[in-house]
Amino acid sequence: ESVQQHIQIALTNNAQQKEKTDAIQLGDQAVIDFTGYVDGETFAGGTAKDYTLGVGSGSFIPGFDAGLVGAKTGDTVTLELNFPDPYTVNPDLAGKPVRFEVTIKKVFTHTLPEYTDAFVMQYYGYATIAEFETALRESMEKEYEYYKEYYFLSQVWESVIGNSEIISYPETEYNTLYDQYVTTYTEAAKNASMSFGEFLAESEGMTESDFYAAVDEAVKNELREELILYCIAQIENITLNQEEYDTAVQAYMDDLGYNSREEFFAHYGEQKVIQNAFSKRVFDLLLESTVIKNTAQ
């Protein structure tokens, strides 16, 4: 089933687009201007120009897509709808009646290519459909294995964190991280030509005291994981030899496109690389020593 879904995606991604003048159908794309009114007033997020909508995608509230079916380029359509309840996007609008004025500016239809050997050769470089589907399956199996391991590891690590107690936080590291958080926001407030309190209220919807409490929690959460990681490494005598260290550094440099170790460390810091290298060793150990009792999920 997943292979077939990926095939459909491949066909859709390479569909031929053609502008049409006849009525909109589900599956078409429409370029629209729209304005929404609640109690006769416009509202935030309810107005847009030159918006490209996949008709039938369900990206708007129920009834919006269906209300455009049958309209043509140049038409203006009035949609009398209701916001769903609950409406997580904007709870204040939940259940309220809304009127949309929608102008159809352009309509496009998509023609899917034929699924043949020639198609997979042209767009994906495989000689036959069979080769293409084999490659799809192998790719998905690797992806599933990765996410399966990630899922188990996240459960294990969550358990470790939940069963660990931090007696105290290292003062130097705490202050360094705390200052970094605060500096980021104070500089942003300065760049916006606003007072710190005004900036927090506008950008985060919180008071200064709420902000400092949130920073304290964020710093402690970040340090908590690092402290537990190194504690396990110490207890289990996990160390990095020179070869493992060099491999970890080079892997990060390759991923981020750096050729110079000096430039890389200047931007990211050596400690982060060491921490991530230790993380892998600790996580491997945790997975090896975990007994999985229920694989139903």
Protein backbone atom coordinates (compact mmCIF):
# COMPACT_ATOMS: atom_id res chain seq x y z
CA GLU A 1 0.00 0.00 0.00
CA SER A 2 2.81 2.41 0.86
CA VAL A 3 4.58 1.66 -2.40
CA GLN A 4 1.41 2.45 -4.31
CA GLN A 5 1.02 5.71 -2.39
CA HIS A 6 4.57 6.72 -3.32
CA ILE A 7 3.91 5.87 -6.95
CA GLN A 8 0.87 8.13 -6.91
CA ILE A 9 2.95 10.91 -5.39
CA ALA A 10 5.56 10.45 -8.11
CA LEU A 11 2.88 10.74 -10.81
CA THR A 12 1.30 13.77 -9.15
CA ASN A 13 4.66 15.53 -8.78
CA ASN A 14 5.23 15.17 -12.52
CA ALA A 15 1.71 15.96 -13.70
CA GLN A 16 1.25 18.34 -16.61
CA GLN A 17 -0.44 21.60 -15.62
CA LYS A 18 -2.76 23.34 -18.08
CA GLU A 19 -4.91 26.41 -17.61
CA LYS A 20 -8.62 25.80 -18.18
CA THR A 21 -11.65 28.02 -18.77
CA ASP A 22 -14.43 25.60 -17.90
CA ALA A 23 -15.86 24.87 -14.45
CA ILE A 24 -13.70 24.00 -11.44
CA GLN A 25 -13.67 20.33 -10.48
CA LEU A 26 -12.23 18.58 -7.46
CA GLY A 27 -8.52 18.05 -8.08
CA ASP A 28 -8.04 21.33 -9.96
CA GLN A 29 -5.90 24.18 -8.69
CA ALA A 30 -7.48 27.62 -8.41
CA VAL A 31 -5.70 30.95 -7.96
CA ILE A 32 -8.05 33.03 -5.82
CA ASP A 33 -8.50 36.27 -3.91
CA PHE A 34 -10.67 35.91 -0.84
CA THR A 35 -11.91 37.98 2.08
CA GLY A 36 -13.67 36.54 5.12
CA TYR A 37 -16.18 38.37 7.33
CA VAL A 38 -17.34 37.50 10.83
CA ASP A 39 -20.10 39.73 12.20
CA GLY A 40 -19.52 41.98 9.18
CA GLU A 41 -15.84 42.52 10.03
CA THR A 42 -12.68 41.07 8.50
CA PHE A 43 -10.47 38.96 10.77
CA ALA A 44 -6.80 38.00 11.01
CA GLY A 45 -5.86 35.34 8.47
CA GLY A 46 -9.15 35.65 6.61
CA THR A 47 -7.89 37.62 3.63
CA ALA A 48 -5.43 36.74 0.86
CA LYS A 49 -4.62 37.57 -2.75
CA ASP A 50 -3.29 35.22 -5.46
CA TYR A 51 -3.66 32.22 -3.16
CA THR A 52 -3.21 28.87 -4.91
CA LEU A 53 -5.72 26.35 -3.59
CA GLY A 54 -5.81 22.66 -4.39
CA VAL A 55 -9.57 22.22 -4.69
CA GLY A 56 -10.43 19.20 -2.57
CA SER A 57 -7.28 19.38 -0.44
CA GLY A 58 -9.28 20.28 2.66
CA SER A 59 -6.80 22.99 3.62
CA PHE A 60 -9.66 25.42 4.37
CA ILE A 61 -12.66 25.00 6.67
CA PRO A 62 -15.35 22.47 5.62
CA GLY A 63 -17.46 23.65 2.71
CA PHE A 64 -14.92 26.08 1.24
CA ASP A 65 -13.56 23.74 -1.46
CA ALA A 66 -16.97 22.33 -2.34
CA GLY A 67 -18.37 25.84 -2.69
CA LEU A 68 -15.92 26.60 -5.52
CA VAL A 69 -16.79 23.54 -7.61
CA GLY A 70 -18.62 24.68 -10.74
CA ALA A 71 -17.24 28.24 -10.69
CA LYS A 72 -15.10 29.57 -13.55
CA THR A 73 -12.31 32.07 -14.03
CA GLY A 74 -13.64 35.58 -13.40
CA ASP A 75 -16.49 34.45 -11.13
CA THR A 76 -16.96 35.80 -7.62
CA VAL A 77 -18.45 33.27 -5.22
CA THR A 78 -20.08 34.00 -1.85
CA LEU A 79 -19.67 31.20 0.68
CA GLU A 80 -21.83 31.18 3.82
CA LEU A 81 -20.09 28.76 6.18
CA ASN A 82 -19.40 28.05 9.83
CA PHE A 83 -16.07 27.55 11.54
CA PRO A 84 -15.74 24.10 13.07
CA ASP A 85 -16.06 23.72 16.81
CA PRO A 86 -13.50 23.20 18.26
CA TYR A 87 -11.26 25.27 15.96
CA THR A 88 -7.67 25.02 17.20
CA VAL A 89 -6.32 27.48 14.62
CA ASN A 90 -8.27 30.30 16.30
CA PRO A 91 -10.45 29.21 19.23
CA ASP A 92 -12.16 32.63 19.29
CA LEU A 93 -13.79 31.80 15.93
CA ALA A 94 -14.95 28.29 16.86
CA GLY A 95 -18.50 27.63 15.70
CA LYS A 96 -19.06 31.15 14.38
CA PRO A 97 -20.76 31.84 11.04
CA VAL A 98 -18.44 33.30 8.40
CA ARG A 99 -18.94 34.75 4.92
CA PHE A 100 -16.21 34.47 2.31
CA GLU A 101 -16.14 36.50 -0.89
CA VAL A 102 -13.95 34.54 -3.31
CA THR A 103 -12.80 35.72 -6.75
CA ILE A 104 -11.54 33.06 -9.16
CA LYS A 105 -8.52 34.45 -11.05
CA LYS A 106 -7.15 31.33 -12.76
CA VAL A 107 -7.93 27.61 -12.86
CA PHE A 108 -5.50 24.84 -13.71
CA THR A 109 -6.07 21.17 -14.33
CA HIS A 110 -3.45 18.47 -13.92
CA THR A 111 -3.01 15.48 -16.21
CA LEU A 112 -1.14 12.58 -14.67
CA PRO A 113 1.50 10.90 -16.84
CA GLU A 114 1.14 7.24 -17.73
CA TYR A 115 2.96 4.92 -15.32
CA THR A 116 5.38 3.11 -17.62
CA ASP A 117 9.01 2.06 -17.88
CA ALA A 118 9.61 5.21 -19.92
CA PHE A 119 8.20 7.36 -17.10
CA VAL A 120 10.44 5.90 -14.35
CA MET A 121 13.46 6.12 -16.67
CA GLN A 122 12.80 9.75 -17.58
CA TYR A 123 12.11 11.06 -14.08
CA TYR A 124 13.86 8.64 -11.72
CA GLY A 125 16.55 6.89 -13.76
CA TYR A 126 15.28 3.31 -13.37
CA ALA A 127 15.08 1.04 -16.42
CA THR A 128 11.80 -0.64 -15.43
CA ILE A 129 8.81 -0.24 -13.14
CA ALA A 130 9.96 -3.31 -11.23
CA GLU A 131 13.35 -1.72 -10.47
CA PHE A 132 11.67 1.51 -9.40
CA GLU A 133 9.27 -0.26 -7.02
CA THR A 134 12.07 -2.37 -5.56
CA ALA A 135 14.05 0.79 -4.84
CA LEU A 136 10.98 2.42 -3.27
CA ARG A 137 10.42 -0.57 -1.01
CA GLU A 138 14.07 -0.71 0.09
CA SER A 139 14.10 3.01 0.82
CA MET A 140 10.94 2.79 2.91
CA GLU A 141 12.20 -0.24 4.83
CA LYS A 142 15.34 1.70 5.81
CA GLU A 143 13.19 4.65 6.83
CA TYR A 144 10.89 2.46 8.92
CA GLU A 145 13.86 0.83 10.64
CA TYR A 146 15.27 4.26 11.48
CA TYR A 147 11.99 5.48 12.94
CA LYS A 148 11.43 2.24 14.80
CA GLU A 149 14.81 2.64 16.51
CA TYR A 150 14.11 6.32 17.13
CA TYR A 151 10.74 5.45 18.68
CA PHE A 152 12.22 2.86 21.04
CA LEU A 153 15.12 5.14 21.95
CA SER A 154 12.79 8.05 22.74
CA GLN A 155 10.77 5.78 25.05
CA VAL A 156 13.93 4.56 26.80
CA TRP A 157 15.43 8.01 27.17
CA GLU A 158 12.14 9.41 28.47
CA SER A 159 12.14 6.67 31.10
CA VAL A 160 15.74 7.43 32.07
CA ILE A 161 15.02 11.16 32.40
CA GLY A 162 11.86 10.50 34.42
CA ASN A 163 13.67 8.22 36.85
CA SER A 164 16.63 10.52 37.42
CA GLU A 165 16.96 13.27 39.99
CA ILE A 166 19.19 16.31 39.53
CA ILE A 167 20.69 17.24 42.90
CA SER A 168 22.15 20.54 41.67
CA TYR A 169 22.99 22.34 38.46
CA PRO A 170 26.53 23.50 37.65
CA GLU A 171 26.54 27.25 38.23
CA THR A 172 28.89 28.25 35.41
CA GLU A 173 27.09 26.28 32.73
CA TYR A 174 23.69 27.40 34.04
CA ASN A 175 24.65 31.09 33.98
CA THR A 176 26.18 30.79 30.49
CA LEU A 177 23.07 29.23 28.98
CA TYR A 178 20.75 31.59 30.89
CA ASP A 179 22.64 34.64 29.63
CA GLN A 180 22.52 33.33 26.05
CA TYR A 181 18.73 33.03 26.17
CA VAL A 182 18.27 36.48 27.70
CA THR A 183 20.76 38.15 25.34
CA THR A 184 18.96 36.75 22.30
CA TYR A 185 15.72 38.42 23.36
CA THR A 186 17.24 41.69 24.59
CA GLU A 187 19.05 42.10 21.26
CA ALA A 188 15.83 41.33 19.38
CA ALA A 189 13.98 43.95 21.44
CA LYS A 190 16.71 46.49 20.73
CA ASN A 191 16.57 45.75 16.99
CA ALA A 192 12.80 46.23 17.09
CA SER A 193 13.24 49.58 18.89
CA MET A 194 11.03 48.35 21.73
CA SER A 195 11.43 48.06 25.47
CA PHE A 196 12.14 44.55 26.70
CA GLY A 197 8.71 44.25 28.33
CA GLU A 198 6.90 45.52 25.23
CA PHE A 199 8.81 43.13 23.00
CA LEU A 200 7.99 40.11 25.19
CA ALA A 201 4.32 41.03 25.30
CA GLU A 202 4.19 41.50 21.52
CA SER A 203 6.27 38.52 20.40
CA GLU A 204 5.69 35.94 23.14
CA GLY A 205 2.56 37.12 24.93
CA MET A 206 4.25 37.00 28.35
CA THR A 207 5.44 39.29 31.11
CA GLU A 208 9.10 39.68 32.09
CA SER A 209 8.62 37.50 35.18
CA ASP A 210 6.97 34.80 33.04
CA PHE A 211 9.89 35.04 30.59
CA TYR A 212 12.58 34.62 33.24
CA ALA A 213 10.71 31.64 34.70
CA ALA A 214 10.48 30.08 31.23
CA VAL A 215 14.21 30.66 30.64
CA ASP A 216 15.03 29.02 33.97
CA GLU A 217 12.97 25.96 33.01
CA ALA A 218 14.47 25.77 29.50
CA VAL A 219 18.04 25.99 30.80
CA LYS A 220 17.44 23.33 33.44
CA ASN A 221 15.82 21.01 30.88
CA GLU A 222 18.81 21.37 28.57
CA LEU A 223 21.33 20.83 31.35
CA ARG A 224 19.32 17.94 32.81
CA GLU A 225 19.78 15.81 29.71
CA GLU A 226 23.47 16.70 29.43
CA LEU A 227 24.13 15.90 33.09
CA ILE A 228 22.37 12.53 32.90
CA LEU A 229 24.16 11.69 29.66
CA TYR A 230 27.61 12.30 31.16
CA CYS A 231 26.65 10.58 34.40
CA ILE A 232 25.80 7.38 32.49
CA ALA A 233 29.00 7.72 30.45
CA GLN A 234 31.01 8.01 33.65
CA ILE A 235 29.30 5.09 35.39
CA GLU A 236 29.70 2.85 32.33
CA ASN A 237 33.29 3.99 31.67
CA ILE A 238 32.38 5.28 28.21
CA THR A 239 35.23 7.29 26.72
CA LEU A 240 36.14 8.59 23.29
CA ASN A 241 39.43 7.58 21.77
CA GLN A 242 41.16 9.81 19.24
CA GLU A 243 39.82 7.86 16.26
CA GLU A 244 36.22 8.08 17.47
CA TYR A 245 36.62 11.78 18.19
CA ASP A 246 38.11 12.50 14.74
CA THR A 247 35.35 10.47 13.06
CA ALA A 248 32.64 12.39 14.93
CA VAL A 249 34.18 15.76 14.07
CA GLN A 250 34.54 14.87 10.39
CA ALA A 251 30.98 13.57 10.18
CA TYR A 252 29.60 16.84 11.55
CA MET A 253 31.84 18.89 9.28
CA ASP A 254 30.65 16.91 6.25
CA ASP A 255 26.98 17.26 7.22
CA LEU A 256 27.29 21.02 7.66
CA GLY A 257 29.60 21.67 4.71
CA TYR A 258 32.77 22.73 6.54
CA ASN A 259 36.29 22.06 5.27
CA SER A 260 38.19 23.74 8.08
CA ARG A 261 38.06 22.34 11.61
CA GLU A 262 38.95 25.78 13.01
CA GLU A 263 36.00 27.43 11.24
CA PHE A 264 33.69 24.65 12.34
CA PHE A 265 34.68 24.89 16.02
CA ALA A 266 34.49 28.70 15.92
CA HIS A 267 30.87 28.48 14.82
CA TYR A 268 29.55 25.39 16.62
CA GLY A 269 32.01 24.79 19.43
CA GLU A 270 33.93 21.63 20.18
CA GLN A 271 31.87 20.72 23.24
CA LYS A 272 28.72 20.16 21.17
CA VAL A 273 30.54 17.65 18.96
CA ILE A 274 31.89 15.77 21.97
CA GLN A 275 28.45 15.73 23.59
CA ASN A 276 26.83 14.31 20.46
CA ALA A 277 29.53 11.67 20.10
CA PHE A 278 29.00 10.64 23.70
CA SER A 279 25.24 10.65 23.10
CA LYS A 280 25.55 8.02 20.39
CA ARG A 281 27.64 5.76 22.60
CA VAL A 282 25.26 6.14 25.55
CA PHE A 283 22.14 5.66 23.42
CA ASP A 284 23.60 2.53 21.82
CA LEU A 285 24.25 1.15 25.30
CA LEU A 286 20.71 1.98 26.44
CA LEU A 287 19.15 0.23 23.46
CA GLU A 288 21.37 -2.84 23.90
CA SER A 289 20.36 -3.15 27.56
CA THR A 290 16.64 -2.53 27.09
CA VAL A 291 14.13 -5.36 27.24
CA ILE A 292 11.15 -4.68 24.96
CA LYS A 293 8.05 -6.22 26.48
CA ASN A 294 5.37 -4.89 24.14
CA THR A 295 5.84 -4.21 20.43
CA ALA A 296 2.14 -3.71 19.63
CA GLN A 297 2.69 -0.03 18.78
